[in-house]
Amino acid sequence: MITYRISSEWHFGRELGLYHSFGLKVYLHRKLFLHIPDIFCRRRKAAAFARLCNREQPALVHLWDVIEDAL
């Protein structure tokens, strides 16, 4: 079973300075399989996306396309 959870990180960029963003952690059989940082700026949108992924269970091979569509 695949479980999706949000992650929270601080980043620094030359143009933006210090900023807070949210990513996605993917667990496969309760073990961390993949971490994709810095996807969303808003926690609410990241949480809604993780809920959607948990409900719909997209195939991992399509995850980047699903993320791109969500943006």
N, C-alpha and C. Protein backbone atom coordinates (compact mmCIF):
# COMPACT_ATOMS: atom_id res chain seq x y z
N MET A 1 0.84 -1.17 0.00
CA MET A 1 0.00 0.00 0.00
C MET A 1 0.89 1.24 0.00
N ILE A 2 0.47 2.26 -0.73
CA ILE A 2 1.19 3.53 -0.81
C ILE A 2 0.47 4.55 0.04
N THR A 3 1.23 5.28 0.85
CA THR A 3 0.70 6.36 1.68
C THR A 3 1.43 7.64 1.33
N TYR A 4 0.69 8.72 1.20
CA TYR A 4 1.25 10.02 0.86
C TYR A 4 1.07 10.96 2.05
N ARG A 5 2.14 11.67 2.41
CA ARG A 5 2.10 12.64 3.51
C ARG A 5 2.82 13.90 3.08
N ILE A 6 2.43 15.02 3.66
CA ILE A 6 3.11 16.26 3.32
C ILE A 6 4.39 16.39 4.15
N SER A 7 5.32 17.14 3.61
CA SER A 7 6.53 17.50 4.34
C SER A 7 6.63 19.02 4.34
N SER A 8 7.36 19.54 5.28
CA SER A 8 7.51 20.98 5.44
C SER A 8 8.99 21.30 5.50
N GLU A 9 9.42 22.23 4.67
CA GLU A 9 10.83 22.58 4.61
C GLU A 9 11.04 24.09 4.49
N TRP A 10 12.19 24.52 4.93
CA TRP A 10 12.66 25.88 4.70
C TRP A 10 13.73 25.82 3.63
N HIS A 11 13.69 26.76 2.70
CA HIS A 11 14.66 26.81 1.61
C HIS A 11 15.21 28.23 1.50
N PHE A 12 16.34 28.35 0.85
CA PHE A 12 16.91 29.66 0.58
C PHE A 12 17.29 29.73 -0.88
N GLY A 13 16.83 30.78 -1.54
CA GLY A 13 17.18 31.03 -2.93
C GLY A 13 17.69 32.45 -3.07
N ARG A 14 18.58 32.67 -4.00
CA ARG A 14 19.13 34.02 -4.18
C ARG A 14 18.06 35.06 -4.45
N GLU A 15 17.10 34.71 -5.27
CA GLU A 15 16.07 35.68 -5.65
C GLU A 15 14.96 35.81 -4.62
N LEU A 16 14.60 34.70 -3.97
CA LEU A 16 13.49 34.72 -3.02
C LEU A 16 13.93 34.89 -1.57
N GLY A 17 15.16 34.60 -1.27
CA GLY A 17 15.61 34.61 0.11
C GLY A 17 15.10 33.35 0.82
N LEU A 18 14.84 33.47 2.09
CA LEU A 18 14.35 32.35 2.89
C LEU A 18 12.85 32.19 2.66
N TYR A 19 12.42 30.97 2.35
CA TYR A 19 10.98 30.73 2.17
C TYR A 19 10.61 29.34 2.66
N HIS A 20 9.35 29.19 2.98
CA HIS A 20 8.79 27.95 3.51
C HIS A 20 7.97 27.30 2.42
N SER A 21 8.17 25.99 2.23
CA SER A 21 7.38 25.28 1.23
C SER A 21 7.01 23.90 1.74
N PHE A 22 6.16 23.25 0.99
CA PHE A 22 5.65 21.94 1.37
C PHE A 22 5.88 20.96 0.23
N GLY A 23 6.26 19.76 0.60
CA GLY A 23 6.51 18.72 -0.38
C GLY A 23 5.67 17.49 -0.09
N LEU A 24 6.08 16.39 -0.66
CA LEU A 24 5.32 15.16 -0.54
C LEU A 24 6.26 14.01 -0.20
N LYS A 25 5.91 13.26 0.81
CA LYS A 25 6.64 12.04 1.15
C LYS A 25 5.76 10.86 0.77
N VAL A 26 6.38 9.89 0.11
CA VAL A 26 5.67 8.71 -0.36
C VAL A 26 6.21 7.51 0.42
N TYR A 27 5.31 6.81 1.09
CA TYR A 27 5.67 5.63 1.87
C TYR A 27 5.12 4.39 1.17
N LEU A 28 5.98 3.42 1.00
CA LEU A 28 5.59 2.15 0.40
C LEU A 28 5.76 1.08 1.46
N HIS A 29 4.65 0.45 1.83
CA HIS A 29 4.65 -0.54 2.91
C HIS A 29 5.26 0.04 4.19
N ARG A 30 4.86 1.27 4.53
CA ARG A 30 5.24 1.98 5.76
C ARG A 30 6.70 2.42 5.81
N LYS A 31 7.43 2.31 4.70
CA LYS A 31 8.81 2.76 4.65
C LYS A 31 8.91 3.91 3.65
N LEU A 32 9.69 4.94 4.02
CA LEU A 32 9.85 6.07 3.13
C LEU A 32 10.47 5.60 1.82
N PHE A 33 9.77 5.86 0.74
CA PHE A 33 10.21 5.43 -0.59
C PHE A 33 10.72 6.60 -1.41
N LEU A 34 10.06 7.76 -1.27
CA LEU A 34 10.37 8.91 -2.10
C LEU A 34 10.00 10.18 -1.36
N HIS A 35 10.84 11.20 -1.49
CA HIS A 35 10.54 12.52 -0.93
C HIS A 35 10.73 13.54 -2.03
N ILE A 36 9.68 14.28 -2.31
CA ILE A 36 9.72 15.33 -3.32
C ILE A 36 9.51 16.65 -2.59
N PRO A 37 10.56 17.43 -2.40
CA PRO A 37 10.43 18.69 -1.66
C PRO A 37 9.96 19.83 -2.56
N ASP A 38 9.53 20.92 -1.91
CA ASP A 38 9.33 22.21 -2.57
C ASP A 38 8.34 22.16 -3.74
N ILE A 39 7.16 21.62 -3.47
CA ILE A 39 6.12 21.56 -4.51
C ILE A 39 5.12 22.70 -4.35
N PHE A 40 4.62 22.86 -3.12
CA PHE A 40 3.56 23.82 -2.86
C PHE A 40 4.01 24.92 -1.90
N CYS A 41 3.42 26.09 -2.03
CA CYS A 41 3.67 27.21 -1.12
C CYS A 41 2.68 27.21 0.04
N ARG A 42 1.54 26.60 -0.16
CA ARG A 42 0.48 26.64 0.85
C ARG A 42 0.23 25.24 1.43
N ARG A 43 0.21 25.19 2.75
CA ARG A 43 0.00 23.92 3.46
C ARG A 43 -1.35 23.29 3.09
N ARG A 44 -2.37 24.12 2.99
CA ARG A 44 -3.71 23.62 2.69
C ARG A 44 -3.74 22.89 1.35
N LYS A 45 -3.08 23.46 0.34
CA LYS A 45 -3.07 22.82 -0.98
C LYS A 45 -2.26 21.52 -0.94
N ALA A 46 -1.15 21.52 -0.21
CA ALA A 46 -0.34 20.30 -0.07
C ALA A 46 -1.13 19.20 0.63
N ALA A 47 -1.85 19.56 1.69
CA ALA A 47 -2.64 18.57 2.43
C ALA A 47 -3.77 18.02 1.56
N ALA A 48 -4.42 18.88 0.79
CA ALA A 48 -5.49 18.43 -0.10
C ALA A 48 -4.94 17.49 -1.17
N PHE A 49 -3.75 17.80 -1.67
CA PHE A 49 -3.13 16.94 -2.68
C PHE A 49 -2.77 15.57 -2.10
N ALA A 50 -2.22 15.55 -0.89
CA ALA A 50 -1.88 14.28 -0.24
C ALA A 50 -3.14 13.45 -0.01
N ARG A 51 -4.23 14.09 0.42
CA ARG A 51 -5.50 13.36 0.62
C ARG A 51 -5.99 12.77 -0.70
N LEU A 52 -5.91 13.55 -1.77
CA LEU A 52 -6.32 13.08 -3.09
C LEU A 52 -5.49 11.87 -3.52
N CYS A 53 -4.18 11.95 -3.32
CA CYS A 53 -3.31 10.82 -3.69
C CYS A 53 -3.62 9.59 -2.85
N ASN A 54 -3.87 9.78 -1.56
CA ASN A 54 -4.21 8.64 -0.71
C ASN A 54 -5.52 7.99 -1.14
N ARG A 55 -6.46 8.80 -1.58
CA ARG A 55 -7.75 8.27 -2.00
C ARG A 55 -7.66 7.60 -3.38
N GLU A 56 -6.99 8.26 -4.32
CA GLU A 56 -6.97 7.77 -5.70
C GLU A 56 -5.83 6.80 -6.00
N GLN A 57 -4.79 6.78 -5.17
CA GLN A 57 -3.65 5.88 -5.32
C GLN A 57 -3.05 5.90 -6.74
N PRO A 58 -2.54 7.06 -7.17
CA PRO A 58 -1.94 7.10 -8.51
C PRO A 58 -0.70 6.21 -8.57
N ALA A 59 -0.48 5.61 -9.71
CA ALA A 59 0.72 4.79 -9.90
C ALA A 59 1.95 5.69 -9.80
N LEU A 60 2.99 5.19 -9.16
CA LEU A 60 4.19 6.00 -8.95
C LEU A 60 4.81 6.46 -10.26
N VAL A 61 4.67 5.67 -11.29
CA VAL A 61 5.22 6.05 -12.59
C VAL A 61 4.55 7.32 -13.13
N HIS A 62 3.34 7.62 -12.67
CA HIS A 62 2.59 8.80 -13.13
C HIS A 62 2.62 9.94 -12.13
N LEU A 63 3.33 9.79 -11.02
CA LEU A 63 3.27 10.78 -9.95
C LEU A 63 3.72 12.16 -10.40
N TRP A 64 4.79 12.26 -11.18
CA TRP A 64 5.25 13.58 -11.63
C TRP A 64 4.19 14.26 -12.49
N ASP A 65 3.50 13.50 -13.32
CA ASP A 65 2.43 14.08 -14.14
C ASP A 65 1.27 14.56 -13.27
N VAL A 66 0.94 13.80 -12.25
CA VAL A 66 -0.14 14.18 -11.33
C VAL A 66 0.24 15.47 -10.60
N ILE A 67 1.50 15.56 -10.16
CA ILE A 67 1.96 16.78 -9.48
C ILE A 67 1.90 17.97 -10.45
N GLU A 68 2.38 17.78 -11.65
CA GLU A 68 2.35 18.86 -12.63
C GLU A 68 0.93 19.34 -12.89
N ASP A 69 -0.01 18.42 -12.99
CA ASP A 69 -1.41 18.78 -13.20
C ASP A 69 -1.98 19.56 -12.01
N ALA A 70 -1.50 19.25 -10.81
CA ALA A 70 -2.01 19.92 -9.62
C ALA A 70 -1.51 21.36 -9.51
N LEU A 71 -0.41 21.64 -10.17
CA LEU A 71 0.14 23.00 -10.09
C LEU A 71 -0.55 23.89 -11.08
